[in-house]
Amino acid sequence: MKARSISPMAAIRNTSLSRYVVPRHIGYGSALTVSGIATLVLGFVVDNWLFMLLFGLLTGILLYLGLSRIQVLAGKFSFLSVGLLLLVLALTADFRTSMLLGILGQQH
């Protein structure tokens, strides 16, 4: 449809919702999910807290993108779940990040 055939007032009154739906593609979703899990494992293997933080963020993004290609609802909750899991692990496990967490948690 050409833009000339629609009057400006009709275009303003158009109430059609343009919602983007993520297309399901199990192959891409599985590849992104596996690479997200591999990034999480790599983040724990590397003995540097900066890489742990970066790989944790990258893991959350890859799992969100991968799981949203497989199941939309799983993709929505994956980023939050990864963040909570990494927070609990950082507080309970000894990854030599306790000094960093102590510095971040100090109130002046």
Protein backbone atom coordinates (compact mmCIF):
# COMPACT_ATOMS: atom_id res chain seq x y z
CA MET A 1 0.00 0.00 0.00
CA LYS A 2 1.38 3.37 -0.92
CA ALA A 3 1.59 6.14 1.63
CA ARG A 4 -0.29 8.47 -0.71
CA SER A 5 -3.41 6.35 -0.50
CA ILE A 6 -3.77 6.92 3.26
CA SER A 7 -4.84 10.31 4.50
CA PRO A 8 -2.91 11.78 7.44
CA MET A 9 -5.98 11.66 9.68
CA ALA A 10 -6.56 7.99 8.87
CA ALA A 11 -2.95 7.25 9.71
CA ILE A 12 -3.30 8.95 13.08
CA ARG A 13 -6.51 7.05 13.88
CA ASN A 14 -4.98 3.73 12.94
CA THR A 15 -5.11 1.67 16.13
CA SER A 16 -3.42 -1.44 14.86
CA LEU A 17 -0.78 -2.56 17.31
CA SER A 18 2.52 -3.48 15.81
CA ARG A 19 3.91 -6.04 18.24
CA TYR A 20 7.13 -7.75 17.42
CA VAL A 21 7.02 -11.47 17.97
CA VAL A 22 10.34 -13.25 18.22
CA PRO A 23 10.37 -15.99 15.59
CA ARG A 24 10.90 -19.46 17.00
CA HIS A 25 14.08 -21.04 15.75
CA ILE A 26 15.25 -23.94 17.85
CA GLY A 27 18.62 -24.25 16.11
CA TYR A 28 19.69 -20.65 16.77
CA GLY A 29 18.19 -20.75 20.24
CA SER A 30 20.04 -23.92 21.17
CA ALA A 31 23.34 -22.58 19.84
CA LEU A 32 22.97 -19.33 21.79
CA THR A 33 21.93 -21.18 24.94
CA VAL A 34 24.89 -23.58 24.74
CA SER A 35 27.29 -20.69 24.16
CA GLY A 36 25.74 -18.87 27.13
CA ILE A 37 26.33 -21.88 29.37
CA ALA A 38 29.88 -22.21 28.02
CA THR A 39 30.47 -18.54 28.79
CA LEU A 40 29.25 -19.10 32.35
CA VAL A 41 31.64 -22.02 32.81
CA LEU A 42 34.48 -20.00 31.28
CA GLY A 43 33.71 -17.16 33.68
CA PHE A 44 34.19 -19.49 36.65
CA VAL A 45 37.35 -21.06 35.22
CA VAL A 46 39.08 -17.72 34.62
CA ASP A 47 40.61 -16.49 37.86
CA ASN A 48 39.94 -12.79 37.40
CA TRP A 49 36.97 -10.99 38.96
CA LEU A 50 36.63 -8.55 36.05
CA PHE A 51 36.23 -11.39 33.57
CA MET A 52 33.75 -13.04 35.94
CA LEU A 53 31.61 -9.91 35.88
CA LEU A 54 31.82 -9.52 32.10
CA PHE A 55 31.18 -13.20 31.40
CA GLY A 56 28.25 -13.16 33.81
CA LEU A 57 26.66 -10.31 31.88
CA LEU A 58 27.41 -11.99 28.55
CA THR A 59 25.91 -15.23 29.89
CA GLY A 60 22.69 -13.46 30.82
CA ILE A 61 22.40 -11.85 27.40
CA LEU A 62 23.16 -15.05 25.47
CA LEU A 63 20.74 -17.10 27.56
CA TYR A 64 18.04 -14.47 27.12
CA LEU A 65 18.48 -14.40 23.36
CA GLY A 66 18.77 -18.18 23.07
CA LEU A 67 15.87 -19.13 25.31
CA SER A 68 13.59 -16.49 23.82
CA ARG A 69 14.11 -18.17 20.43
CA ILE A 70 13.01 -21.48 21.94
CA GLN A 71 10.33 -20.37 24.41
CA VAL A 72 9.37 -16.71 24.88
CA LEU A 73 8.47 -17.05 28.57
CA ALA A 74 11.75 -18.80 29.39
CA GLY A 75 13.67 -16.01 27.71
CA LYS A 76 11.93 -13.39 29.83
CA PHE A 77 12.86 -15.03 33.10
CA SER A 78 16.34 -16.24 32.14
CA PHE A 79 18.17 -12.92 32.59
CA LEU A 80 16.68 -12.42 36.05
CA SER A 81 17.40 -16.02 37.02
CA VAL A 82 21.03 -15.82 35.91
CA GLY A 83 21.50 -12.59 37.83
CA LEU A 84 20.05 -14.04 41.02
CA LEU A 85 22.06 -17.24 40.64
CA LEU A 86 25.31 -15.35 40.16
CA LEU A 87 24.54 -13.09 43.11
CA VAL A 88 23.92 -16.05 45.41
CA LEU A 89 27.06 -17.79 44.15
CA ALA A 90 29.16 -14.66 44.61
CA LEU A 91 27.94 -14.24 48.18
CA THR A 92 28.26 -17.87 49.27
CA ALA A 93 31.21 -19.26 47.30
CA ASP A 94 34.82 -18.23 47.72
CA PHE A 95 35.80 -16.77 44.35
CA ARG A 96 38.19 -14.16 45.76
CA THR A 97 35.54 -11.56 45.04
CA SER A 98 34.57 -10.96 48.66
CA MET A 99 36.83 -7.88 48.80
CA LEU A 100 35.15 -6.48 45.68
CA LEU A 101 31.69 -7.14 47.10
CA GLY A 102 32.74 -5.55 50.38
CA ILE A 103 33.95 -2.43 48.58
CA LEU A 104 30.76 -2.22 46.53
CA GLY A 105 28.60 -2.67 49.63
CA GLN A 106 30.29 -0.02 51.78
CA GLN A 107 28.26 3.01 52.66
CA HIS A 108 30.06 6.28 53.22
